[in-house]
N, C-alpha and C. Protein backbone atom coordinates (compact mmCIF):
# COMPACT_ATOMS: atom_id res chain seq x y z
N UNK A 1 -46.89 60.96 -48.54
CA UNK A 1 -48.14 60.55 -47.89
C UNK A 1 -47.92 59.33 -47.00
N UNK A 2 -48.74 59.17 -45.98
CA UNK A 2 -48.62 58.00 -45.10
C UNK A 2 -48.86 56.71 -45.87
N UNK A 3 -48.16 55.67 -45.48
CA UNK A 3 -48.36 54.35 -46.09
C UNK A 3 -49.23 53.53 -45.15
N UNK A 4 -50.23 52.87 -45.72
CA UNK A 4 -51.08 51.98 -44.93
C UNK A 4 -50.84 50.57 -45.43
N UNK A 5 -50.36 49.74 -44.57
CA UNK A 5 -50.03 48.40 -44.99
C UNK A 5 -49.93 47.48 -43.79
N UNK A 6 -50.30 46.26 -43.98
CA UNK A 6 -50.07 45.22 -42.96
C UNK A 6 -49.48 44.03 -43.69
N UNK A 7 -48.37 43.57 -43.23
CA UNK A 7 -47.75 42.40 -43.84
C UNK A 7 -48.60 41.18 -43.56
N UNK A 8 -48.83 40.39 -44.55
CA UNK A 8 -49.62 39.18 -44.36
C UNK A 8 -48.76 38.01 -43.90
N UNK A 9 -47.45 38.16 -43.99
CA UNK A 9 -46.57 37.07 -43.60
C UNK A 9 -46.51 36.96 -42.08
N UNK A 10 -46.74 35.77 -41.59
CA UNK A 10 -46.65 35.50 -40.17
C UNK A 10 -45.40 34.64 -39.96
N UNK A 11 -44.61 34.99 -38.97
CA UNK A 11 -43.37 34.25 -38.75
C UNK A 11 -43.67 32.80 -38.41
N UNK A 12 -42.73 31.95 -38.73
CA UNK A 12 -42.84 30.53 -38.39
C UNK A 12 -42.27 30.32 -36.99
N UNK A 13 -42.87 29.42 -36.22
CA UNK A 13 -42.27 29.09 -34.92
C UNK A 13 -40.86 28.53 -35.14
N UNK A 14 -39.97 28.78 -34.21
CA UNK A 14 -38.60 28.28 -34.29
C UNK A 14 -38.42 27.18 -33.25
N UNK A 15 -37.33 26.41 -33.34
CA UNK A 15 -37.10 25.38 -32.32
C UNK A 15 -36.99 25.96 -30.91
N UNK A 16 -36.55 27.21 -30.79
CA UNK A 16 -36.42 27.82 -29.47
C UNK A 16 -37.71 28.42 -28.96
N UNK A 17 -38.64 28.71 -29.86
CA UNK A 17 -39.86 29.38 -29.44
C UNK A 17 -41.01 28.98 -30.35
N UNK A 18 -42.15 28.66 -29.77
CA UNK A 18 -43.34 28.35 -30.55
C UNK A 18 -44.18 29.61 -30.76
N UNK A 19 -43.65 30.74 -30.38
CA UNK A 19 -44.36 32.01 -30.53
C UNK A 19 -44.28 32.49 -31.97
N UNK A 20 -45.35 33.14 -32.41
CA UNK A 20 -45.36 33.68 -33.77
C UNK A 20 -45.66 35.17 -33.72
N UNK A 21 -45.26 35.87 -34.77
CA UNK A 21 -45.43 37.31 -34.85
C UNK A 21 -45.93 37.70 -36.23
N UNK A 22 -46.85 38.64 -36.28
CA UNK A 22 -47.28 39.25 -37.53
C UNK A 22 -46.86 40.71 -37.46
N UNK A 23 -45.90 41.09 -38.28
CA UNK A 23 -45.42 42.47 -38.27
C UNK A 23 -46.45 43.35 -38.97
N UNK A 24 -46.85 44.43 -38.31
CA UNK A 24 -47.81 45.38 -38.88
C UNK A 24 -47.09 46.56 -39.52
N UNK A 25 -46.09 47.09 -38.82
CA UNK A 25 -45.31 48.22 -39.32
C UNK A 25 -43.84 48.00 -39.00
N UNK A 26 -42.99 48.27 -39.97
CA UNK A 26 -41.55 48.24 -39.74
C UNK A 26 -40.86 49.04 -40.84
N UNK A 27 -39.58 48.85 -40.99
CA UNK A 27 -38.83 49.63 -41.98
C UNK A 27 -39.33 49.42 -43.40
N UNK A 28 -39.88 48.24 -43.70
CA UNK A 28 -40.37 47.97 -45.05
C UNK A 28 -41.54 48.88 -45.42
N UNK A 29 -42.28 49.36 -44.45
CA UNK A 29 -43.37 50.29 -44.70
C UNK A 29 -42.93 51.74 -44.51
N UNK A 30 -41.65 51.95 -44.29
CA UNK A 30 -41.13 53.30 -44.10
C UNK A 30 -41.12 53.75 -42.66
N UNK A 31 -41.47 52.87 -41.73
CA UNK A 31 -41.47 53.21 -40.31
C UNK A 31 -40.07 52.92 -39.77
N UNK A 32 -39.24 53.94 -39.74
CA UNK A 32 -37.81 53.75 -39.46
C UNK A 32 -37.48 53.62 -37.98
N UNK A 33 -38.34 54.08 -37.09
CA UNK A 33 -37.99 54.11 -35.67
C UNK A 33 -38.74 53.12 -34.80
N UNK A 34 -39.84 52.55 -35.32
CA UNK A 34 -40.68 51.68 -34.50
C UNK A 34 -41.08 50.44 -35.30
N UNK A 35 -41.14 49.31 -34.61
CA UNK A 35 -41.75 48.09 -35.17
C UNK A 35 -43.01 47.81 -34.36
N UNK A 36 -44.13 47.59 -35.06
CA UNK A 36 -45.39 47.23 -34.40
C UNK A 36 -45.78 45.84 -34.89
N UNK A 37 -46.29 45.01 -33.98
CA UNK A 37 -46.60 43.63 -34.34
C UNK A 37 -47.71 43.06 -33.47
N UNK A 38 -48.33 42.00 -33.97
CA UNK A 38 -49.23 41.17 -33.18
C UNK A 38 -48.44 39.90 -32.85
N UNK A 39 -48.44 39.50 -31.60
CA UNK A 39 -47.74 38.29 -31.18
C UNK A 39 -48.72 37.27 -30.63
N UNK A 40 -48.43 36.01 -30.87
CA UNK A 40 -49.24 34.90 -30.34
C UNK A 40 -48.33 34.06 -29.44
N UNK A 41 -48.75 33.91 -28.19
CA UNK A 41 -47.97 33.18 -27.19
C UNK A 41 -48.76 31.95 -26.78
N UNK A 42 -48.31 30.75 -27.16
CA UNK A 42 -49.00 29.53 -26.75
C UNK A 42 -48.71 29.22 -25.28
N UNK A 43 -49.42 28.26 -24.70
CA UNK A 43 -49.14 27.90 -23.31
C UNK A 43 -47.67 27.56 -23.10
N UNK A 44 -47.15 27.98 -21.96
CA UNK A 44 -45.75 27.74 -21.62
C UNK A 44 -45.02 29.05 -21.34
N UNK A 45 -43.73 28.92 -21.09
CA UNK A 45 -42.92 30.08 -20.72
C UNK A 45 -41.64 30.09 -21.55
N UNK A 46 -41.32 31.25 -22.08
CA UNK A 46 -40.05 31.44 -22.80
C UNK A 46 -38.93 31.59 -21.78
N UNK A 47 -37.69 31.31 -22.18
CA UNK A 47 -36.56 31.57 -21.28
C UNK A 47 -36.44 33.06 -20.99
N UNK A 48 -35.85 33.38 -19.85
CA UNK A 48 -35.56 34.79 -19.56
C UNK A 48 -34.66 35.32 -20.68
N UNK A 49 -34.95 36.53 -21.14
CA UNK A 49 -34.18 37.12 -22.23
C UNK A 49 -34.28 38.64 -22.15
N UNK A 50 -33.54 39.33 -22.99
CA UNK A 50 -33.62 40.79 -23.07
C UNK A 50 -33.46 41.21 -24.52
N UNK A 51 -33.79 42.46 -24.77
CA UNK A 51 -33.69 43.04 -26.11
C UNK A 51 -32.81 44.29 -26.04
N UNK A 52 -32.34 44.72 -27.20
CA UNK A 52 -31.54 45.94 -27.28
C UNK A 52 -32.42 47.15 -27.60
N UNK A 53 -33.72 46.99 -27.44
CA UNK A 53 -34.67 48.07 -27.71
C UNK A 53 -35.70 48.12 -26.59
N UNK A 54 -36.43 49.23 -26.52
CA UNK A 54 -37.56 49.34 -25.59
C UNK A 54 -38.72 48.53 -26.17
N UNK A 55 -39.53 47.96 -25.28
CA UNK A 55 -40.67 47.17 -25.73
C UNK A 55 -41.91 47.60 -24.97
N UNK A 56 -42.99 47.83 -25.71
CA UNK A 56 -44.30 48.13 -25.12
C UNK A 56 -45.26 47.03 -25.58
N UNK A 57 -46.00 46.47 -24.63
CA UNK A 57 -46.90 45.35 -24.91
C UNK A 57 -48.28 45.70 -24.38
N UNK A 58 -49.32 45.39 -25.17
CA UNK A 58 -50.70 45.52 -24.73
C UNK A 58 -51.33 44.13 -24.88
N UNK A 59 -51.92 43.62 -23.81
CA UNK A 59 -52.52 42.28 -23.83
C UNK A 59 -53.91 42.37 -24.45
N UNK A 60 -54.08 41.71 -25.59
CA UNK A 60 -55.38 41.69 -26.28
C UNK A 60 -56.27 40.56 -25.77
N UNK A 61 -55.69 39.37 -25.63
CA UNK A 61 -56.44 38.18 -25.20
C UNK A 61 -55.55 37.30 -24.33
N UNK A 62 -56.16 36.68 -23.34
CA UNK A 62 -55.44 35.70 -22.53
C UNK A 62 -54.88 36.27 -21.24
N UNK A 63 -54.48 35.37 -20.38
CA UNK A 63 -53.92 35.74 -19.08
C UNK A 63 -52.62 35.00 -18.85
N UNK A 64 -51.77 35.60 -18.05
CA UNK A 64 -50.50 34.96 -17.76
C UNK A 64 -49.71 35.72 -16.72
N UNK A 65 -48.40 35.55 -16.79
CA UNK A 65 -47.52 36.15 -15.79
C UNK A 65 -46.29 36.73 -16.48
N UNK A 66 -45.91 37.94 -16.06
CA UNK A 66 -44.68 38.58 -16.50
C UNK A 66 -43.62 38.31 -15.44
N UNK A 67 -42.47 37.79 -15.88
CA UNK A 67 -41.34 37.55 -14.99
C UNK A 67 -40.24 38.54 -15.32
N UNK A 68 -39.66 39.16 -14.29
CA UNK A 68 -38.50 40.05 -14.45
C UNK A 68 -37.51 39.73 -13.33
N UNK A 69 -36.37 40.38 -13.37
CA UNK A 69 -35.39 40.19 -12.29
C UNK A 69 -35.92 40.68 -10.95
N UNK A 70 -36.93 41.53 -10.98
CA UNK A 70 -37.48 42.12 -9.75
C UNK A 70 -38.68 41.36 -9.21
N UNK A 71 -39.11 40.30 -9.90
CA UNK A 71 -40.27 39.56 -9.43
C UNK A 71 -41.20 39.21 -10.57
N UNK A 72 -42.46 38.96 -10.23
CA UNK A 72 -43.43 38.59 -11.24
C UNK A 72 -44.75 39.31 -10.98
N UNK A 73 -45.57 39.39 -12.01
CA UNK A 73 -46.88 40.04 -11.91
C UNK A 73 -47.82 39.39 -12.92
N UNK A 74 -49.05 39.21 -12.50
CA UNK A 74 -50.07 38.65 -13.40
C UNK A 74 -50.52 39.71 -14.39
N UNK A 75 -50.97 39.26 -15.56
CA UNK A 75 -51.56 40.18 -16.54
C UNK A 75 -52.80 39.54 -17.15
N UNK A 76 -53.67 40.38 -17.69
CA UNK A 76 -54.93 39.97 -18.30
C UNK A 76 -55.22 40.94 -19.45
N UNK A 77 -56.27 40.67 -20.24
CA UNK A 77 -56.60 41.59 -21.32
C UNK A 77 -56.75 43.02 -20.80
N UNK A 78 -56.18 43.96 -21.55
CA UNK A 78 -56.22 45.36 -21.16
C UNK A 78 -54.99 45.82 -20.41
N UNK A 79 -54.10 44.89 -20.03
CA UNK A 79 -52.87 45.25 -19.33
C UNK A 79 -51.85 45.81 -20.32
N UNK A 80 -51.18 46.89 -19.93
CA UNK A 80 -50.06 47.44 -20.70
C UNK A 80 -48.77 47.16 -19.93
N UNK A 81 -47.73 46.78 -20.66
CA UNK A 81 -46.43 46.45 -20.06
C UNK A 81 -45.36 47.24 -20.78
N UNK A 82 -44.48 47.88 -20.03
CA UNK A 82 -43.32 48.57 -20.61
C UNK A 82 -42.05 47.90 -20.12
N UNK A 83 -41.16 47.57 -21.05
CA UNK A 83 -39.88 46.95 -20.71
C UNK A 83 -38.76 47.82 -21.26
N UNK A 84 -37.94 48.40 -20.38
CA UNK A 84 -36.82 49.22 -20.86
C UNK A 84 -35.80 48.37 -21.61
N UNK A 85 -35.01 49.02 -22.40
CA UNK A 85 -33.92 48.38 -23.13
C UNK A 85 -33.05 47.59 -22.15
N UNK A 86 -32.76 46.33 -22.48
CA UNK A 86 -31.88 45.50 -21.66
C UNK A 86 -32.54 44.82 -20.47
N UNK A 87 -33.85 45.06 -20.23
CA UNK A 87 -34.53 44.47 -19.08
C UNK A 87 -34.77 42.97 -19.31
N UNK A 88 -34.28 42.15 -18.41
CA UNK A 88 -34.47 40.71 -18.50
C UNK A 88 -35.93 40.39 -18.15
N UNK A 89 -36.58 39.57 -19.00
CA UNK A 89 -38.00 39.29 -18.78
C UNK A 89 -38.42 38.01 -19.49
N UNK A 90 -39.62 37.56 -19.16
CA UNK A 90 -40.27 36.44 -19.83
C UNK A 90 -41.77 36.56 -19.62
N UNK A 91 -42.54 36.32 -20.67
CA UNK A 91 -43.99 36.26 -20.54
C UNK A 91 -44.39 34.79 -20.50
N UNK A 92 -45.18 34.43 -19.51
CA UNK A 92 -45.63 33.05 -19.36
C UNK A 92 -47.12 32.96 -19.60
N UNK A 93 -47.52 32.04 -20.45
CA UNK A 93 -48.92 31.73 -20.67
C UNK A 93 -49.26 30.55 -19.77
N UNK A 94 -50.00 30.82 -18.70
CA UNK A 94 -50.34 29.77 -17.73
C UNK A 94 -51.64 29.05 -18.08
N UNK A 95 -52.31 29.51 -19.14
CA UNK A 95 -53.60 28.92 -19.50
C UNK A 95 -53.49 27.87 -20.58
N UNK A 96 -54.64 27.54 -21.18
CA UNK A 96 -54.70 26.53 -22.24
C UNK A 96 -54.87 27.16 -23.62
N UNK A 97 -55.36 28.40 -23.67
CA UNK A 97 -55.56 29.10 -24.94
C UNK A 97 -54.39 30.05 -25.19
N UNK A 98 -54.20 30.41 -26.45
CA UNK A 98 -53.13 31.36 -26.80
C UNK A 98 -53.38 32.74 -26.20
N UNK A 99 -52.30 33.43 -25.90
CA UNK A 99 -52.34 34.85 -25.55
C UNK A 99 -52.04 35.63 -26.83
N UNK A 100 -52.76 36.72 -27.05
CA UNK A 100 -52.48 37.61 -28.19
C UNK A 100 -52.08 38.97 -27.64
N UNK A 101 -50.99 39.50 -28.19
CA UNK A 101 -50.50 40.80 -27.74
C UNK A 101 -50.33 41.74 -28.93
N UNK A 102 -50.43 43.02 -28.66
CA UNK A 102 -50.03 44.06 -29.60
C UNK A 102 -48.75 44.64 -29.02
N UNK A 103 -47.68 44.60 -29.79
CA UNK A 103 -46.39 45.05 -29.29
C UNK A 103 -45.77 46.10 -30.17
N UNK A 104 -44.84 46.85 -29.59
CA UNK A 104 -44.07 47.84 -30.34
C UNK A 104 -42.66 47.89 -29.77
N UNK A 105 -41.70 48.06 -30.67
CA UNK A 105 -40.29 48.19 -30.30
C UNK A 105 -39.75 49.52 -30.77
N UNK A 106 -38.87 50.10 -29.98
CA UNK A 106 -38.14 51.30 -30.38
C UNK A 106 -36.71 51.16 -29.92
N UNK A 107 -35.72 51.29 -30.77
CA UNK A 107 -35.84 51.49 -32.22
C UNK A 107 -36.31 50.23 -32.92
N UNK A 108 -36.68 50.38 -34.18
CA UNK A 108 -37.27 49.29 -34.97
C UNK A 108 -36.32 48.10 -35.09
N UNK A 109 -36.82 46.93 -34.74
CA UNK A 109 -36.09 45.66 -34.88
C UNK A 109 -37.12 44.56 -35.11
N UNK A 110 -36.72 43.42 -35.64
CA UNK A 110 -37.66 42.30 -35.79
C UNK A 110 -38.09 41.76 -34.42
N UNK A 111 -39.36 41.33 -34.28
CA UNK A 111 -39.84 40.82 -32.98
C UNK A 111 -39.07 39.63 -32.44
N UNK A 112 -38.49 38.83 -33.29
CA UNK A 112 -37.80 37.62 -32.81
C UNK A 112 -36.37 37.89 -32.34
N UNK A 113 -35.89 39.13 -32.45
CA UNK A 113 -34.53 39.44 -32.02
C UNK A 113 -34.48 39.51 -30.50
N UNK A 114 -33.79 38.54 -29.89
CA UNK A 114 -33.69 38.51 -28.43
C UNK A 114 -32.38 37.87 -28.04
N UNK A 115 -31.98 38.13 -26.81
CA UNK A 115 -30.74 37.60 -26.27
C UNK A 115 -31.05 36.91 -24.96
N UNK A 116 -30.83 35.59 -24.90
CA UNK A 116 -31.15 34.85 -23.68
C UNK A 116 -30.17 35.22 -22.58
N UNK A 117 -30.69 35.27 -21.36
CA UNK A 117 -29.89 35.60 -20.18
C UNK A 117 -29.31 34.36 -19.55
């Protein structure tokens, strides 16, 4: 039968990133191919980085800018973003309030796994 669960543990900010993640689904719930999470992005910009997985992001709250090697684009609530495996990117929160995102990775990996460019 399907498992319904949401982890209550929220990641702690690290010295490299003040961003936090709440994992909703991952391997611990039996979801072997996808990780789903809620992310909180405070004001500021992360360094350009890439992942070894595909990333899909839906903006729940807040506005900002997506940076890639090909340029930049503004985003707002309701925006969907797809990042292929290995795509260098950064999400910037240009406002004063936190941005909240719903994200998913394929294949399943922890949200904080990234490689700076």
